[in-house]
Amino acid sequence: MADVKISELTALTSPDGAEELVVNDSGTTKKITITNATSASLPKAGGTMTGDTGHADNVKAKFGAGDDLQIYHDGGHSRIKDVGTGNLVLAASTSVNIDGNNGTNIAHFYESGVSRFYGNVGVGVTPEASYAGRPTLRIGAGLTIGGYGSGNPSHHWINANAYQAASDATEKYIGADQASQLKQTNGAFTFNVAPNGTADAAISWANAMTINNAGIVTKPLQPAFSAGRGAGNVAVNTVYVCETVRFNIGSHYNNSNGRFTAPVSGRYHINVNLMCNDITQNNKHWNLRINGSEYQRAYSTNGGAYHQRWNWNGVISLQANDYVDIFSNNVVLYGGNALYSDFSGYLLG
């Protein structure tokens, strides 16, 4: 638009409602009209922004009479800062989501349903729909720990659904992966504890403790054995070796030297049932030994018939690598048939 002199302006006859600048030209009132002046600015009483605004680092958008709420970028971090009274409240009709700038989930808070924190391990709390008012804690993608609420305050439950192997739809792991401590398989729970007390991928699930869906506890690594002798009599002052092994979980009974060696410290139940082949004289006995020293004596003060059976069973305390064996002492022990003898034991705990 070309320059216009004041003398060339149109004389003002009556206001037309536009934004006008009024000037006096040698006694004649004239106007300058400012087109779209109202729509190009916001009144102090409020209005609608139709474009972006830019704020340099540390330039704050402030709200409240005392600058109570501040939004700004400090050059390193973006900040929403509440410095006033009261709480910082985030309100939404259904959910509040916190996502990364690449769209990944960080945390989702729902008005109803499960609220979740995402990452390697997450935690969420939700009321359980099928039990009104029952608090529920969810860890990861689906380990759920809950209680039955005020109606049954002493009852709680755990549901494992945290990790599921893609290759096996029946297995669910509590934790990040298959090195976790607890697995659920078709209603049975298997506990897998590494020697250092943490989950260890090198520990085989086949070696873990399992509680099946019938409530039966199995411990594949729990040492247990049963053996008998069918290879002839054992002379006095001789270790009684049972060469016939019925079962030997953990392979801790040695049928070459007759020793059961404790793999871990604990209390063990031991049972010995033997037939004697020479008790015609008094004061005959055989010994249960620990590390070669007499621990318990099976004793007969009176002579009697051949093939008399003597039994001892009880609970003994063993340290790791202690061994137990049977020593004939001063009596001949029968061993012609494994059905007539039993040396057995297992770890109680």
Protein backbone atom coordinates (compact mmCIF):
# COMPACT_ATOMS: atom_id res chain seq x y z
CA MET A 1 0.00 0.00 0.00
CA ALA A 2 1.33 3.40 -1.00
CA ASP A 3 1.98 6.11 1.55
CA VAL A 4 -1.03 8.35 2.29
CA LYS A 5 -0.87 11.95 3.49
CA ILE A 6 -3.13 13.08 6.29
CA SER A 7 -4.65 15.62 3.88
CA GLU A 8 -5.65 12.72 1.66
CA LEU A 9 -7.57 10.84 4.39
CA THR A 10 -11.35 10.58 4.23
CA ALA A 11 -13.22 12.94 6.48
CA LEU A 12 -14.93 11.31 9.49
CA THR A 13 -18.68 11.68 9.22
CA SER A 14 -19.86 9.18 11.90
CA PRO A 15 -18.23 6.26 13.84
CA ASP A 16 -18.59 2.97 11.95
CA GLY A 17 -17.60 0.55 14.75
CA ALA A 18 -14.11 -0.15 13.42
CA GLU A 19 -10.94 0.45 15.34
CA GLU A 20 -10.09 4.06 14.33
CA LEU A 21 -7.33 6.54 14.90
CA VAL A 22 -8.78 10.11 14.77
CA VAL A 23 -6.64 13.07 13.64
CA ASN A 24 -7.33 16.77 13.05
CA ASP A 25 -6.30 18.08 9.65
CA SER A 26 -6.53 21.92 9.70
CA GLY A 27 -9.84 21.83 11.51
CA THR A 28 -11.19 18.78 9.63
CA THR A 29 -11.59 15.56 11.62
CA LYS A 30 -10.26 12.54 9.76
CA LYS A 31 -9.73 8.89 10.59
CA ILE A 32 -7.25 6.07 10.15
CA THR A 33 -8.97 2.65 10.24
CA ILE A 34 -6.99 -0.28 11.77
CA THR A 35 -8.31 -3.40 10.03
CA ASN A 36 -8.75 -6.63 12.13
CA ALA A 37 -7.17 -5.01 15.16
CA THR A 38 -9.56 -6.77 17.57
CA SER A 39 -9.14 -10.31 16.16
CA ALA A 40 -5.34 -10.08 16.05
CA SER A 41 -4.92 -9.63 19.81
CA LEU A 42 -6.20 -11.09 23.07
CA PRO A 43 -8.05 -8.91 25.54
CA LYS A 44 -6.89 -9.08 29.13
CA ALA A 45 -10.23 -10.64 30.08
CA GLY A 46 -9.49 -13.76 27.97
CA GLY A 47 -9.60 -15.10 24.46
CA THR A 48 -8.48 -17.89 22.17
CA MET A 49 -4.91 -18.40 20.94
CA THR A 50 -4.70 -19.65 17.37
CA GLY A 51 -0.93 -20.10 17.13
CA ASP A 52 2.06 -21.48 19.05
CA THR A 53 3.94 -19.47 21.63
CA GLY A 54 7.68 -19.79 22.21
CA HIS A 55 9.54 -19.58 25.51
CA ALA A 56 13.31 -19.53 25.80
CA ASP A 57 15.14 -21.60 28.44
CA ASN A 58 14.19 -20.59 31.99
CA VAL A 59 11.36 -18.38 30.73
CA LYS A 60 8.39 -19.45 32.81
CA ALA A 61 4.69 -19.54 32.20
CA LYS A 62 3.35 -18.56 35.61
CA PHE A 63 -0.10 -19.07 37.06
CA GLY A 64 -1.65 -17.85 40.29
CA ALA A 65 -1.43 -14.65 42.24
CA GLY A 66 1.86 -15.74 43.79
CA ASP A 67 3.26 -17.50 40.74
CA ASP A 68 2.09 -20.73 42.39
CA LEU A 69 2.35 -22.91 39.27
CA GLN A 70 5.29 -22.60 36.90
CA ILE A 71 5.95 -24.42 33.62
CA TYR A 72 9.32 -24.03 31.96
CA HIS A 73 12.44 -25.68 30.52
CA ASP A 74 15.66 -25.03 32.42
CA GLY A 75 17.95 -26.01 29.56
CA GLY A 76 18.36 -29.57 30.80
CA HIS A 77 14.92 -30.63 31.98
CA SER A 78 11.30 -29.72 31.45
CA ARG A 79 9.59 -28.84 34.70
CA ILE A 80 6.10 -28.39 36.09
CA LYS A 81 6.65 -26.77 39.47
CA ASP A 82 4.05 -26.26 42.16
CA VAL A 83 5.31 -23.70 44.70
CA GLY A 84 1.98 -22.57 46.11
CA THR A 85 -0.41 -23.88 48.71
CA GLY A 86 -2.40 -27.06 48.25
CA ASN A 87 -1.72 -30.06 46.04
CA LEU A 88 -0.74 -30.51 42.42
CA VAL A 89 -3.78 -32.31 40.99
CA LEU A 90 -3.93 -34.12 37.65
CA ALA A 91 -7.55 -34.87 36.72
CA ALA A 92 -8.86 -36.88 33.77
CA SER A 93 -12.21 -38.37 32.85
CA THR A 94 -10.84 -41.92 32.37
CA SER A 95 -7.05 -42.14 32.74
CA VAL A 96 -3.80 -40.23 33.18
CA ASN A 97 -1.00 -41.62 31.01
CA ILE A 98 2.72 -40.91 31.20
CA ASP A 99 4.48 -41.95 27.99
CA GLY A 100 7.95 -41.53 26.56
CA ASN A 101 8.42 -39.18 23.62
CA ASN A 102 8.72 -42.25 21.37
CA GLY A 103 5.31 -43.48 22.50
CA THR A 104 6.48 -46.14 24.98
CA ASN A 105 4.40 -46.61 28.11
CA ILE A 106 5.83 -45.41 31.41
CA ALA A 107 2.79 -45.29 33.70
CA HIS A 108 -0.97 -45.43 33.28
CA PHE A 109 -3.41 -44.43 36.00
CA TYR A 110 -7.02 -45.41 35.41
CA GLU A 111 -10.16 -44.15 37.12
CA SER A 112 -11.33 -47.76 37.26
CA GLY A 113 -9.31 -50.90 36.60
CA VAL A 114 -5.61 -51.63 36.98
CA SER A 115 -3.09 -48.80 37.30
CA ARG A 116 0.36 -49.81 36.05
CA PHE A 117 3.97 -48.77 36.07
CA TYR A 118 5.87 -50.13 33.06
CA GLY A 119 9.50 -51.20 32.70
CA ASN A 120 11.38 -54.28 33.87
CA VAL A 121 9.14 -54.48 36.94
CA GLY A 122 5.96 -52.57 37.55
CA VAL A 123 3.54 -52.21 40.42
CA GLY A 124 -0.15 -51.44 40.29
CA VAL A 125 -3.11 -51.43 42.66
CA THR A 126 -6.70 -52.12 41.68
CA PRO A 127 -9.96 -53.24 43.26
CA GLU A 128 -10.82 -56.76 42.10
CA ALA A 129 -14.06 -56.70 40.13
CA SER A 130 -15.22 -60.14 41.27
CA TYR A 131 -14.73 -59.23 44.96
CA ALA A 132 -16.08 -55.74 45.57
CA GLY A 133 -13.71 -53.63 47.59
CA ARG A 134 -10.95 -56.24 47.64
CA PRO A 135 -7.52 -54.57 47.34
CA THR A 136 -5.16 -56.11 44.80
CA LEU A 137 -1.45 -55.58 44.17
CA ARG A 138 -0.20 -56.32 40.67
CA ILE A 139 3.53 -56.63 39.98
CA GLY A 140 4.98 -56.68 36.47
CA ALA A 141 2.65 -57.74 33.69
CA GLY A 142 0.49 -59.92 35.86
CA LEU A 143 1.68 -61.18 39.25
CA THR A 144 -1.38 -60.39 41.33
CA ILE A 145 -1.43 -60.46 45.12
CA GLY A 146 -4.76 -59.82 46.79
CA GLY A 147 -6.89 -60.20 49.85
CA TYR A 148 -10.59 -60.82 50.32
CA GLY A 149 -11.20 -57.47 51.97
CA SER A 150 -13.01 -56.78 55.22
CA GLY A 151 -15.19 -59.88 54.93
CA ASN A 152 -12.23 -62.28 55.15
CA PRO A 153 -9.24 -60.20 56.28
CA SER A 154 -7.06 -63.26 56.93
CA HIS A 155 -7.36 -64.69 53.40
CA HIS A 156 -4.91 -63.73 50.66
CA TRP A 157 -3.96 -65.10 47.30
CA ILE A 158 -1.23 -64.93 44.65
CA ASN A 159 -1.84 -65.30 40.93
CA ALA A 160 1.22 -65.78 38.72
CA ASN A 161 0.90 -64.29 35.26
CA ALA A 162 3.96 -62.08 35.05
CA TYR A 163 5.95 -63.66 32.23
CA GLN A 164 4.85 -66.29 29.78
CA ALA A 165 7.29 -68.12 27.55
CA ALA A 166 6.30 -67.80 23.92
CA SER A 167 7.16 -71.45 23.35
CA ASP A 168 4.99 -72.77 26.17
CA ALA A 169 1.55 -71.33 26.72
CA THR A 170 1.11 -73.29 29.97
CA GLU A 171 4.04 -71.74 31.88
CA LYS A 172 3.92 -68.37 33.59
CA TYR A 173 6.86 -66.88 35.49
CA ILE A 174 6.90 -64.35 38.30
CA GLY A 175 9.68 -61.92 37.41
CA ALA A 176 11.32 -60.83 34.21
CA ASP A 177 12.03 -64.16 32.57
CA GLN A 178 12.61 -67.89 33.05
CA ALA A 179 15.36 -67.19 35.62
CA SER A 180 12.66 -66.11 38.06
CA GLN A 181 12.06 -67.57 41.50
CA LEU A 182 8.49 -68.80 41.00
CA LYS A 183 6.69 -70.47 38.10
CA GLN A 184 3.08 -71.49 37.65
CA THR A 185 2.36 -74.46 35.39
CA ASN A 186 -1.20 -75.71 35.00
CA GLY A 187 -2.10 -74.80 38.56
CA ALA A 188 1.15 -76.03 40.16
CA PHE A 189 3.73 -73.68 41.68
CA THR A 190 7.44 -74.40 41.33
CA PHE A 191 9.98 -72.57 43.51
CA ASN A 192 13.46 -72.12 42.09
CA VAL A 193 16.02 -70.75 44.57
CA ALA A 194 19.67 -70.39 43.61
CA PRO A 195 22.41 -71.03 46.21
CA ASN A 196 23.00 -67.29 46.67
CA GLY A 197 19.32 -66.63 47.26
CA THR A 198 18.67 -64.90 43.93
CA ALA A 199 17.17 -66.12 40.69
CA ASP A 200 19.78 -67.88 38.60
CA ALA A 201 19.27 -69.03 35.03
CA ALA A 202 21.74 -71.87 35.63
CA ILE A 203 19.39 -73.49 38.16
CA SER A 204 17.18 -76.05 36.46
CA TRP A 205 13.46 -75.85 37.06
CA ALA A 206 13.54 -79.66 37.20
CA ASN A 207 15.51 -79.32 40.45
CA ALA A 208 13.13 -76.90 42.13
CA MET A 209 10.54 -77.47 44.84
CA THR A 210 7.02 -77.89 43.50
CA ILE A 211 3.60 -77.64 45.12
CA ASN A 212 1.23 -79.35 42.72
CA ASN A 213 -2.46 -78.60 42.29
CA ALA A 214 -3.28 -81.39 44.75
CA GLY A 215 -1.23 -79.65 47.45
CA ILE A 216 1.60 -82.23 47.41
CA VAL A 217 5.11 -80.85 47.92
CA THR A 218 7.92 -82.49 45.97
CA LYS A 219 11.62 -81.73 46.34
CA PRO A 220 13.66 -83.38 43.59
CA LEU A 221 16.93 -82.36 45.24
CA GLN A 222 15.89 -83.62 48.68
CA PRO A 223 18.30 -86.50 49.39
CA ALA A 224 16.60 -89.83 50.11
CA PHE A 225 17.75 -93.42 49.73
CA SER A 226 16.85 -97.01 50.49
CA ALA A 227 19.18 -99.99 50.09
CA GLY A 228 19.54 -103.61 51.19
CA ARG A 229 22.17 -106.34 51.16
CA GLY A 230 21.83 -109.60 49.24
CA ALA A 231 25.49 -110.52 48.77
CA GLY A 232 26.21 -112.67 51.82
CA ASN A 233 26.85 -112.23 55.53
CA VAL A 234 28.98 -109.44 57.01
CA ALA A 235 31.65 -110.51 59.48
CA VAL A 236 32.34 -108.81 62.79
CA ASN A 237 34.14 -105.42 62.78
CA THR A 238 33.07 -104.73 59.21
CA VAL A 239 31.09 -101.97 57.48
CA TYR A 240 27.72 -103.25 56.31
CA VAL A 241 27.53 -102.38 52.61
CA CYS A 242 24.16 -102.51 50.86
CA GLU A 243 24.85 -103.22 47.22
CA THR A 244 21.16 -103.40 46.26
CA VAL A 245 19.90 -99.79 45.91
CA ARG A 246 16.15 -99.37 45.67
CA PHE A 247 16.27 -95.62 45.14
CA ASN A 248 18.93 -92.97 45.67
CA ILE A 249 17.71 -89.40 45.07
CA GLY A 250 20.76 -87.19 44.66
CA SER A 251 23.11 -90.23 44.60
CA HIS A 252 24.32 -89.57 48.14
CA TYR A 253 24.40 -93.24 49.20
CA ASN A 254 27.53 -95.04 48.03
CA ASN A 255 26.94 -98.77 47.54
CA SER A 256 30.69 -99.36 47.28
CA ASN A 257 31.65 -98.22 50.80
CA GLY A 258 28.22 -98.27 52.50
CA ARG A 259 28.20 -94.55 53.32
CA PHE A 260 25.39 -92.04 53.10
CA THR A 261 26.94 -88.55 52.88
CA ALA A 262 24.84 -85.51 53.82
CA PRO A 263 24.86 -82.98 50.95
CA VAL A 264 23.61 -80.15 53.19
CA SER A 265 23.42 -79.48 56.91
CA GLY A 266 20.13 -80.45 58.48
CA ARG A 267 18.15 -83.05 60.35
CA TYR A 268 17.87 -86.47 58.73
CA HIS A 269 15.61 -89.40 59.48
CA ILE A 270 17.58 -92.66 59.42
CA ASN A 271 16.18 -96.20 59.57
CA VAL A 272 18.18 -99.44 59.92
CA ASN A 273 16.52 -102.87 59.96
CA LEU A 274 18.96 -105.80 59.95
CA MET A 275 18.95 -109.54 60.61
CA CYS A 276 21.69 -110.93 62.84
CA ASN A 277 23.27 -114.29 62.05
CA ASP A 278 25.26 -114.93 65.26
CA ILE A 279 23.72 -114.05 68.62
CA THR A 280 24.20 -117.26 70.55
CA GLN A 281 26.45 -115.33 72.92
CA ASN A 282 25.52 -112.39 75.11
CA ASN A 283 26.27 -108.67 74.59
CA LYS A 284 26.15 -108.63 70.82
CA HIS A 285 25.65 -105.30 69.02
CA TRP A 286 26.08 -103.37 65.79
CA ASN A 287 26.57 -99.61 65.54
CA LEU A 288 25.19 -96.70 63.56
CA ARG A 289 28.21 -94.46 63.03
CA ILE A 290 28.72 -90.81 62.07
CA ASN A 291 32.08 -90.09 60.44
CA GLY A 292 33.38 -93.44 61.72
CA SER A 293 32.42 -92.86 65.37
CA GLU A 294 29.71 -94.78 67.17
CA TYR A 295 26.49 -92.76 67.42
CA GLN A 296 23.86 -95.37 68.29
CA ARG A 297 24.08 -99.04 69.30
CA ALA A 298 21.58 -101.83 68.52
CA TYR A 299 22.24 -104.19 71.39
CA SER A 300 21.22 -107.62 72.69
CA THR A 301 22.26 -108.59 76.22
CA ASN A 302 21.04 -112.19 75.89
CA GLY A 303 21.86 -114.84 73.39
CA GLY A 304 19.10 -116.11 71.15
CA ALA A 305 18.21 -117.74 67.91
CA TYR A 306 19.83 -117.04 64.59
CA HIS A 307 18.19 -114.58 62.22
CA GLN A 308 16.89 -112.28 64.93
CA ARG A 309 15.97 -108.84 63.57
CA TRP A 310 17.23 -105.63 65.20
CA ASN A 311 15.90 -102.23 64.24
CA TRP A 312 16.88 -98.65 64.96
CA ASN A 313 15.31 -95.46 63.57
CA GLY A 314 15.47 -91.84 64.62
CA VAL A 315 16.36 -88.28 63.68
CA ILE A 316 20.00 -87.21 63.65
CA SER A 317 21.66 -83.87 62.96
CA LEU A 318 24.34 -83.84 60.26
CA GLN A 319 26.59 -81.18 58.85
CA ALA A 320 27.29 -80.99 55.15
CA ASN A 321 29.69 -83.81 54.13
CA ASP A 322 29.16 -85.82 57.32
CA TYR A 323 28.66 -89.50 56.52
CA VAL A 324 26.66 -92.28 58.16
CA ASP A 325 27.33 -96.01 57.94
CA ILE A 326 26.59 -99.31 59.74
CA PHE A 327 29.36 -101.22 61.54
CA SER A 328 28.87 -104.86 62.54
CA ASN A 329 31.09 -104.54 65.64
CA ASN A 330 30.97 -107.97 67.37
CA VAL A 331 28.08 -109.68 65.60
CA VAL A 332 27.74 -111.35 62.20
CA LEU A 333 25.00 -109.63 60.17
CA TYR A 334 22.94 -111.60 57.69
CA GLY A 335 23.00 -110.46 54.09
CA GLY A 336 21.91 -113.37 51.97
CA ASN A 337 18.69 -111.71 50.85
CA ALA A 338 18.11 -107.96 50.36
CA LEU A 339 14.49 -108.45 51.45
CA TYR A 340 15.74 -109.08 55.02
CA SER A 341 17.60 -105.77 55.43
CA ASP A 342 17.01 -102.05 54.96
CA PHE A 343 19.23 -99.01 55.40
CA SER A 344 17.32 -95.88 54.46
CA GLY A 345 17.02 -92.18 55.21
CA TYR A 346 15.96 -88.77 53.97
CA LEU A 347 16.40 -85.09 54.77
CA LEU A 348 13.70 -83.60 56.96
CA GLY A 349 14.93 -80.05 56.64
